[in-house]
Amino acid sequence: MQKILVRAPSELAHKLTETLRHRYDVRTEIQEDDSKAICEIEARITRNWITICRFAPDENLKDILTMFKVNLEIKSRR
């Protein structure tokens, strides 16, 4: 199972973890609930942690998941 790390405010991190935990080994780092904070998802690809996507905490969950899946596919081909 591929390892991913979610850095986001607690509510968003929980939603992402619940959605992604069936396909990935998910770890979370909770950030402060700051509207200016940049959230990100990283994946472990060939022994390195690579940033897959960055997003605002108020962005739509469906858009975040789409961006994550597309970027993960692109970056894991390298």
PDB file of N, CA and C in Angstrom:
ATOM      1  N   MET A   1       0.836  -1.171   0.000  1.00  0.00           N
ATOM      2  CA  MET A   1       0.000   0.000   0.000  1.00  0.00           C
ATOM      3  C   MET A   1       0.889   1.243   0.000  1.00  0.00           C
ATOM      4  N   GLN A   2       0.568   2.184  -0.836  1.00  0.00           N
ATOM      5  CA  GLN A   2       1.366   3.401  -0.947  1.00  0.00           C
ATOM      6  C   GLN A   2       1.082   4.338   0.225  1.00  0.00           C
ATOM      7  N   LYS A   3       2.133   4.951   0.740  1.00  0.00           N
ATOM      8  CA  LYS A   3       1.991   5.855   1.878  1.00  0.00           C
ATOM      9  C   LYS A   3       1.766   7.275   1.397  1.00  0.00           C
ATOM     10  N   ILE A   4       0.796   7.959   2.022  1.00  0.00           N
ATOM     11  CA  ILE A   4       0.577   9.369   1.738  1.00  0.00           C
ATOM     12  C   ILE A   4       0.463  10.127   3.047  1.00  0.00           C
ATOM     13  N   LEU A   5       0.787  11.411   2.994  1.00  0.00           N
ATOM     14  CA  LEU A   5       0.740  12.292   4.153  1.00  0.00           C
ATOM     15  C   LEU A   5      -0.157  13.472   3.816  1.00  0.00           C
ATOM     16  N   VAL A   6      -1.155  13.715   4.665  1.00  0.00           N
ATOM     17  CA  VAL A   6      -2.101  14.811   4.469  1.00  0.00           C
ATOM     18  C   VAL A   6      -1.813  15.875   5.517  1.00  0.00           C
ATOM     19  N   ARG A   7      -1.546  17.097   5.070  1.00  0.00           N
ATOM     20  CA  ARG A   7      -1.369  18.239   5.973  1.00  0.00           C
ATOM     21  C   ARG A   7      -2.522  19.200   5.739  1.00  0.00           C
ATOM     22  N   ALA A   8      -3.425  19.289   6.722  1.00  0.00           N
ATOM     23  CA  ALA A   8      -4.627  20.112   6.566  1.00  0.00           C
ATOM     24  C   ALA A   8      -5.245  20.368   7.941  1.00  0.00           C
ATOM     25  N   PRO A   9      -6.186  21.323   8.019  1.00  0.00           N
ATOM     26  CA  PRO A   9      -6.940  21.512   9.268  1.00  0.00           C
ATOM     27  C   PRO A   9      -7.706  20.232   9.617  1.00  0.00           C
ATOM     28  N   SER A  10      -8.045  20.069  10.871  1.00  0.00           N
ATOM     29  CA  SER A  10      -8.564  18.788  11.365  1.00  0.00           C
ATOM     30  C   SER A  10      -9.796  18.277  10.622  1.00  0.00           C
ATOM     31  N   GLU A  11     -10.763  19.120  10.349  1.00  0.00           N
ATOM     32  CA  GLU A  11     -11.987  18.656   9.689  1.00  0.00           C
ATOM     33  C   GLU A  11     -11.707  18.157   8.269  1.00  0.00           C
ATOM     34  N   LEU A  12     -10.941  18.915   7.517  1.00  0.00           N
ATOM     35  CA  LEU A  12     -10.604  18.528   6.146  1.00  0.00           C
ATOM     36  C   LEU A  12      -9.695  17.299   6.137  1.00  0.00           C
ATOM     37  N   ALA A  13      -8.737  17.253   7.059  1.00  0.00           N
ATOM     38  CA  ALA A  13      -7.840  16.100   7.140  1.00  0.00           C
ATOM     39  C   ALA A  13      -8.625  14.825   7.439  1.00  0.00           C
ATOM     40  N   HIS A  14      -9.616  14.927   8.307  1.00  0.00           N
ATOM     41  CA  HIS A  14     -10.438  13.759   8.632  1.00  0.00           C
ATOM     42  C   HIS A  14     -11.221  13.282   7.406  1.00  0.00           C
ATOM     43  N   LYS A  15     -11.808  14.214   6.659  1.00  0.00           N
ATOM     44  CA  LYS A  15     -12.565  13.849   5.451  1.00  0.00           C
ATOM     45  C   LYS A  15     -11.657  13.174   4.421  1.00  0.00           C
ATOM     46  N   LEU A  16     -10.472  13.748   4.210  1.00  0.00           N
ATOM     47  CA  LEU A  16      -9.541  13.171   3.236  1.00  0.00           C
ATOM     48  C   LEU A  16      -9.056  11.794   3.683  1.00  0.00           C
ATOM     49  N   THR A  17      -8.769  11.657   4.965  1.00  0.00           N
ATOM     50  CA  THR A  17      -8.310  10.375   5.493  1.00  0.00           C
ATOM     51  C   THR A  17      -9.369   9.300   5.305  1.00  0.00           C
ATOM     52  N   GLU A  18     -10.612   9.620   5.629  1.00  0.00           N
ATOM     53  CA  GLU A  18     -11.693   8.646   5.477  1.00  0.00           C
ATOM     54  C   GLU A  18     -11.900   8.252   4.015  1.00  0.00           C
ATOM     55  N   THR A  19     -11.713   9.194   3.114  1.00  0.00           N
ATOM     56  CA  THR A  19     -11.908   8.911   1.695  1.00  0.00           C
ATOM     57  C   THR A  19     -10.760   8.088   1.114  1.00  0.00           C
ATOM     58  N   LEU A  20      -9.532   8.379   1.526  1.00  0.00           N
ATOM     59  CA  LEU A  20      -8.356   7.765   0.909  1.00  0.00           C
ATOM     60  C   LEU A  20      -7.840   6.518   1.624  1.00  0.00           C
ATOM     61  N   ARG A  21      -8.318   6.245   2.821  1.00  0.00           N
ATOM     62  CA  ARG A  21      -7.731   5.164   3.624  1.00  0.00           C
ATOM     63  C   ARG A  21      -7.950   3.771   3.056  1.00  0.00           C
ATOM     64  N   HIS A  22      -8.903   3.613   2.151  1.00  0.00           N
ATOM     65  CA  HIS A  22      -9.166   2.295   1.575  1.00  0.00           C
ATOM     66  C   HIS A  22      -8.132   1.905   0.526  1.00  0.00           C
ATOM     67  N   ARG A  23      -7.484   2.893  -0.088  1.00  0.00           N
ATOM     68  CA  ARG A  23      -6.509   2.599  -1.150  1.00  0.00           C
ATOM     69  C   ARG A  23      -5.073   2.929  -0.762  1.00  0.00           C
ATOM     70  N   TYR A  24      -4.883   3.753   0.294  1.00  0.00           N
ATOM     71  CA  TYR A  24      -3.550   4.224   0.658  1.00  0.00           C
ATOM     72  C   TYR A  24      -3.338   4.105   2.161  1.00  0.00           C
ATOM     73  N   ASP A  25      -2.080   4.038   2.555  1.00  0.00           N
ATOM     74  CA  ASP A  25      -1.706   4.097   3.965  1.00  0.00           C
ATOM     75  C   ASP A  25      -1.584   5.582   4.309  1.00  0.00           C
ATOM     76  N   VAL A  26      -2.581   6.138   4.981  1.00  0.00           N
ATOM     77  CA  VAL A  26      -2.697   7.585   5.173  1.00  0.00           C
ATOM     78  C   VAL A  26      -2.181   7.994   6.550  1.00  0.00           C
ATOM     79  N   ARG A  27      -1.339   9.004   6.571  1.00  0.00           N
ATOM     80  CA  ARG A  27      -0.890   9.671   7.801  1.00  0.00           C
ATOM     81  C   ARG A  27      -1.365  11.112   7.729  1.00  0.00           C
ATOM     82  N   THR A  28      -1.628  11.727   8.878  1.00  0.00           N
ATOM     83  CA  THR A  28      -2.096  13.112   8.871  1.00  0.00           C
ATOM     84  C   THR A  28      -1.244  13.976   9.789  1.00  0.00           C
ATOM     85  N   GLU A  29      -1.096  15.217   9.395  1.00  0.00           N
ATOM     86  CA  GLU A  29      -0.516  16.262  10.234  1.00  0.00           C
ATOM     87  C   GLU A  29      -1.552  17.373  10.285  1.00  0.00           C
ATOM     88  N   ILE A  30      -2.055  17.628  11.471  1.00  0.00           N
ATOM     89  CA  ILE A  30      -3.106  18.625  11.637  1.00  0.00           C
ATOM     90  C   ILE A  30      -2.483  20.015  11.685  1.00  0.00           C
ATOM     91  N   GLN A  31      -3.029  20.921  10.873  1.00  0.00           N
ATOM     92  CA  GLN A  31      -2.600  22.316  10.870  1.00  0.00           C
ATOM     93  C   GLN A  31      -3.612  23.142  11.644  1.00  0.00           C
ATOM     94  N   GLU A  32      -3.212  24.351  11.992  1.00  0.00           N
ATOM     95  CA  GLU A  32      -4.141  25.261  12.646  1.00  0.00           C
ATOM     96  C   GLU A  32      -5.253  25.631  11.676  1.00  0.00           C
ATOM     97  N   ASP A  33      -6.414  25.963  12.213  1.00  0.00           N
ATOM     98  CA  ASP A  33      -7.553  26.363  11.379  1.00  0.00           C
ATOM     99  C   ASP A  33      -7.368  27.796  10.913  1.00  0.00           C
ATOM    100  N   ASP A  34      -6.444  27.987   9.995  1.00  0.00           N
ATOM    101  CA  ASP A  34      -6.136  29.306   9.453  1.00  0.00           C
ATOM    102  C   ASP A  34      -6.538  29.311   7.982  1.00  0.00           C
ATOM    103  N   SER A  35      -7.346  30.269   7.592  1.00  0.00           N
ATOM    104  CA  SER A  35      -7.838  30.300   6.211  1.00  0.00           C
ATOM    105  C   SER A  35      -6.730  30.588   5.198  1.00  0.00           C
ATOM    106  N   LYS A  36      -5.588  31.113   5.654  1.00  0.00           N
ATOM    107  CA  LYS A  36      -4.482  31.416   4.746  1.00  0.00           C
ATOM    108  C   LYS A  36      -3.470  30.276   4.656  1.00  0.00           C
ATOM    109  N   ALA A  37      -3.652  29.243   5.452  1.00  0.00           N
ATOM    110  CA  ALA A  37      -2.725  28.114   5.445  1.00  0.00           C
ATOM    111  C   ALA A  37      -2.857  27.338   4.138  1.00  0.00           C
ATOM    112  N   ILE A  38      -1.747  26.850   3.661  1.00  0.00           N
ATOM    113  CA  ILE A  38      -1.751  26.035   2.445  1.00  0.00           C
ATOM    114  C   ILE A  38      -1.685  24.570   2.873  1.00  0.00           C
ATOM    115  N   CYS A  39      -2.652  23.814   2.428  1.00  0.00           N
ATOM    116  CA  CYS A  39      -2.708  22.386   2.727  1.00  0.00           C
ATOM    117  C   CYS A  39      -1.994  21.630   1.612  1.00  0.00           C
ATOM    118  N   GLU A  40      -1.550  20.414   1.923  1.00  0.00           N
ATOM    119  CA  GLU A  40      -0.891  19.631   0.884  1.00  0.00           C
ATOM    120  C   GLU A  40      -1.023  18.145   1.155  1.00  0.00           C
ATOM    121  N   ILE A  41      -0.854  17.395   0.093  1.00  0.00           N
ATOM    122  CA  ILE A  41      -0.805  15.943   0.173  1.00  0.00           C
ATOM    123  C   ILE A  41       0.517  15.514  -0.444  1.00  0.00           C
ATOM    124  N   GLU A  42       1.269  14.698   0.307  1.00  0.00           N
ATOM    125  CA  GLU A  42       2.540  14.169  -0.176  1.00  0.00           C
ATOM    126  C   GLU A  42       2.426  12.656  -0.276  1.00  0.00           C
ATOM    127  N   ALA A  43       3.201  12.077  -1.166  1.00  0.00           N
ATOM    128  CA  ALA A  43       3.221  10.622  -1.327  1.00  0.00           C
ATOM    129  C   ALA A  43       4.661  10.138  -1.307  1.00  0.00           C
ATOM    130  N   ARG A  44       4.831   8.930  -0.838  1.00  0.00           N
ATOM    131  CA  ARG A  44       6.165   8.336  -0.813  1.00  0.00           C
ATOM    132  C   ARG A  44       6.355   7.570  -2.114  1.00  0.00           C
ATOM    133  N   ILE A  45       7.216   8.121  -2.960  1.00  0.00           N
ATOM    134  CA  ILE A  45       7.494   7.511  -4.261  1.00  0.00           C
ATOM    135  C   ILE A  45       8.995   7.258  -4.330  1.00  0.00           C
ATOM    136  N   THR A  46       9.361   6.010  -4.500  1.00  0.00           N
ATOM    137  CA  THR A  46      10.770   5.588  -4.564  1.00  0.00           C
ATOM    138  C   THR A  46      11.616   6.177  -3.440  1.00  0.00           C
ATOM    139  N   ARG A  47      11.192   5.920  -2.217  1.00  0.00           N
ATOM    140  CA  ARG A  47      11.905   6.315  -0.994  1.00  0.00           C
ATOM    141  C   ARG A  47      11.956   7.810  -0.724  1.00  0.00           C
ATOM    142  N   ASN A  48      11.283   8.625  -1.510  1.00  0.00           N
ATOM    143  CA  ASN A  48      11.268  10.078  -1.292  1.00  0.00           C
ATOM    144  C   ASN A  48       9.839  10.556  -1.110  1.00  0.00           C
ATOM    145  N   TRP A  49       9.665  11.546  -0.234  1.00  0.00           N
ATOM    146  CA  TRP A  49       8.355  12.179  -0.084  1.00  0.00           C
ATOM    147  C   TRP A  49       8.239  13.279  -1.127  1.00  0.00           C
ATOM    148  N   ILE A  50       7.238  13.181  -1.985  1.00  0.00           N
ATOM    149  CA  ILE A  50       7.035  14.138  -3.069  1.00  0.00           C
ATOM    150  C   ILE A  50       5.674  14.794  -2.881  1.00  0.00           C
ATOM    151  N   THR A  51       5.649  16.132  -3.001  1.00  0.00           N
ATOM    152  CA  THR A  51       4.390  16.855  -2.900  1.00  0.00           C
ATOM    153  C   THR A  51       3.545  16.564  -4.135  1.00  0.00           C
ATOM    154  N   ILE A  52       2.366  16.038  -3.907  1.00  0.00           N
ATOM    155  CA  ILE A  52       1.462  15.690  -5.002  1.00  0.00           C
ATOM    156  C   ILE A  52       0.566  16.868  -5.351  1.00  0.00           C
ATOM    157  N   CYS A  53      -0.009  17.511  -4.347  1.00  0.00           N
ATOM    158  CA  CYS A  53      -0.856  18.672  -4.628  1.00  0.00           C
ATOM    159  C   CYS A  53      -0.933  19.588  -3.410  1.00  0.00           C
ATOM    160  N   ARG A  54      -1.136  20.848  -3.697  1.00  0.00           N
ATOM    161  CA  ARG A  54      -1.354  21.874  -2.676  1.00  0.00           C
ATOM    162  C   ARG A  54      -2.692  22.529  -2.953  1.00  0.00           C
ATOM    163  N   PHE A  55      -3.381  22.903  -1.878  1.00  0.00           N
ATOM    164  CA  PHE A  55      -4.721  23.456  -2.043  1.00  0.00           C
ATOM    165  C   PHE A  55      -5.093  24.301  -0.834  1.00  0.00           C
ATOM    166  N   ALA A  56      -6.109  25.128  -1.016  1.00  0.00           N
ATOM    167  CA  ALA A  56      -6.628  25.961   0.067  1.00  0.00           C
ATOM    168  C   ALA A  56      -7.571  25.118   0.928  1.00  0.00           C
ATOM    169  N   PRO A  57      -7.667  25.431   2.219  1.00  0.00           N
ATOM    170  CA  PRO A  57      -8.541  24.631   3.088  1.00  0.00           C
ATOM    171  C   PRO A  57     -10.026  24.749   2.754  1.00  0.00           C
ATOM    172  N   ASP A  58     -10.411  25.787   2.020  1.00  0.00           N
ATOM    173  CA  ASP A  58     -11.826  25.956   1.687  1.00  0.00           C
ATOM    174  C   ASP A  58     -12.173  25.443   0.286  1.00  0.00           C
ATOM    175  N   GLU A  59     -11.245  24.732  -0.329  1.00  0.00           N
ATOM    176  CA  GLU A  59     -11.487  24.197  -1.673  1.00  0.00           C
ATOM    177  C   GLU A  59     -12.421  22.983  -1.606  1.00  0.00           C
ATOM    178  N   ASN A  60     -13.132  22.745  -2.690  1.00  0.00           N
ATOM    179  CA  ASN A  60     -14.096  21.656  -2.782  1.00  0.00           C
ATOM    180  C   ASN A  60     -13.377  20.302  -2.665  1.00  0.00           C
ATOM    181  N   LEU A  61     -13.926  19.399  -1.859  1.00  0.00           N
ATOM    182  CA  LEU A  61     -13.319  18.090  -1.625  1.00  0.00           C
ATOM    183  C   LEU A  61     -13.195  17.279  -2.918  1.00  0.00           C
ATOM    184  N   LYS A  62     -14.198  17.338  -3.765  1.00  0.00           N
ATOM    185  CA  LYS A  62     -14.155  16.603  -5.038  1.00  0.00           C
ATOM    186  C   LYS A  62     -13.013  17.108  -5.919  1.00  0.00           C
ATOM    187  N   ASP A  63     -12.803  18.427  -5.941  1.00  0.00           N
ATOM    188  CA  ASP A  63     -11.704  18.995  -6.727  1.00  0.00           C
ATOM    189  C   ASP A  63     -10.347  18.568  -6.172  1.00  0.00           C
ATOM    190  N   ILE A  64     -10.227  18.521  -4.856  1.00  0.00           N
ATOM    191  CA  ILE A  64      -8.971  18.097  -4.219  1.00  0.00           C
ATOM    192  C   ILE A  64      -8.659  16.652  -4.596  1.00  0.00           C
ATOM    193  N   LEU A  65      -9.653  15.790  -4.515  1.00  0.00           N
ATOM    194  CA  LEU A  65      -9.439  14.374  -4.832  1.00  0.00           C
ATOM    195  C   LEU A  65      -9.090  14.162  -6.300  1.00  0.00           C
ATOM    196  N   THR A  66      -9.734  14.913  -7.188  1.00  0.00           N
ATOM    197  CA  THR A  66      -9.418  14.815  -8.615  1.00  0.00           C
ATOM    198  C   THR A  66      -7.990  15.264  -8.877  1.00  0.00           C
ATOM    199  N   MET A  67      -7.611  16.396  -8.292  1.00  0.00           N
ATOM    200  CA  MET A  67      -6.255  16.919  -8.456  1.00  0.00           C
ATOM    201  C   MET A  67      -5.235  15.919  -7.907  1.00  0.00           C
ATOM    202  N   PHE A  68      -5.524  15.310  -6.756  1.00  0.00           N
ATOM    203  CA  PHE A  68      -4.630  14.332  -6.148  1.00  0.00           C
ATOM    204  C   PHE A  68      -4.433  13.124  -7.066  1.00  0.00           C
ATOM    205  N   LYS A  69      -5.522  12.565  -7.570  1.00  0.00           N
ATOM    206  CA  LYS A  69      -5.428  11.361  -8.403  1.00  0.00           C
ATOM    207  C   LYS A  69      -4.663  11.615  -9.697  1.00  0.00           C
ATOM    208  N   VAL A  70      -4.946  12.735 -10.346  1.00  0.00           N
ATOM    209  CA  VAL A  70      -4.264  13.062 -11.605  1.00  0.00           C
ATOM    210  C   VAL A  70      -2.778  13.304 -11.363  1.00  0.00           C
ATOM    211  N   ASN A  71      -2.456  14.114 -10.364  1.00  0.00           N
ATOM    212  CA  ASN A  71      -1.052  14.429 -10.088  1.00  0.00           C
ATOM    213  C   ASN A  71      -0.274  13.210  -9.611  1.00  0.00           C
ATOM    214  N   LEU A  72      -0.893  12.349  -8.824  1.00  0.00           N
ATOM    215  CA  LEU A  72      -0.212  11.135  -8.367  1.00  0.00           C
ATOM    216  C   LEU A  72       0.128  10.237  -9.550  1.00  0.00           C
ATOM    217  N   GLU A  73      -0.794  10.100 -10.466  1.00  0.00           N
ATOM    218  CA  GLU A  73      -0.537   9.278 -11.652  1.00  0.00           C
ATOM    219  C   GLU A  73       0.613   9.846 -12.481  1.00  0.00           C
ATOM    220  N   ILE A  74       0.628  11.154 -12.654  1.00  0.00           N
ATOM    221  CA  ILE A  74       1.688  11.802 -13.433  1.00  0.00           C
ATOM    222  C   ILE A  74       3.036  11.666 -12.740  1.00  0.00           C
ATOM    223  N   LYS A  75       3.088  11.943 -11.441  1.00  0.00           N
ATOM    224  CA  LYS A  75       4.367  11.951 -10.730  1.00  0.00           C
ATOM    225  C   LYS A  75       4.898  10.560 -10.435  1.00  0.00           C
ATOM    226  N   SER A  76       4.050   9.568 -10.380  1.00  0.00           N
ATOM    227  CA  SER A  76       4.547   8.219 -10.119  1.00  0.00           C
ATOM    228  C   SER A  76       5.103   7.554 -11.374  1.00  0.00           C
ATOM    229  N   ARG A  77       4.879   8.129 -12.536  1.00  0.00           N
ATOM    230  CA  ARG A  77       5.446   7.601 -13.789  1.00  0.00           C
ATOM    231  C   ARG A  77       6.910   7.953 -13.947  1.00  0.00           C
ATOM    232  N   ARG A  78       7.373   8.960 -13.268  1.00  0.00           N
ATOM    233  CA  ARG A  78       8.761   9.422 -13.435  1.00  0.00           C
ATOM    234  C   ARG A  78       9.758   8.409 -12.996  1.00  0.00           C
TER     235      ARG A  78
END
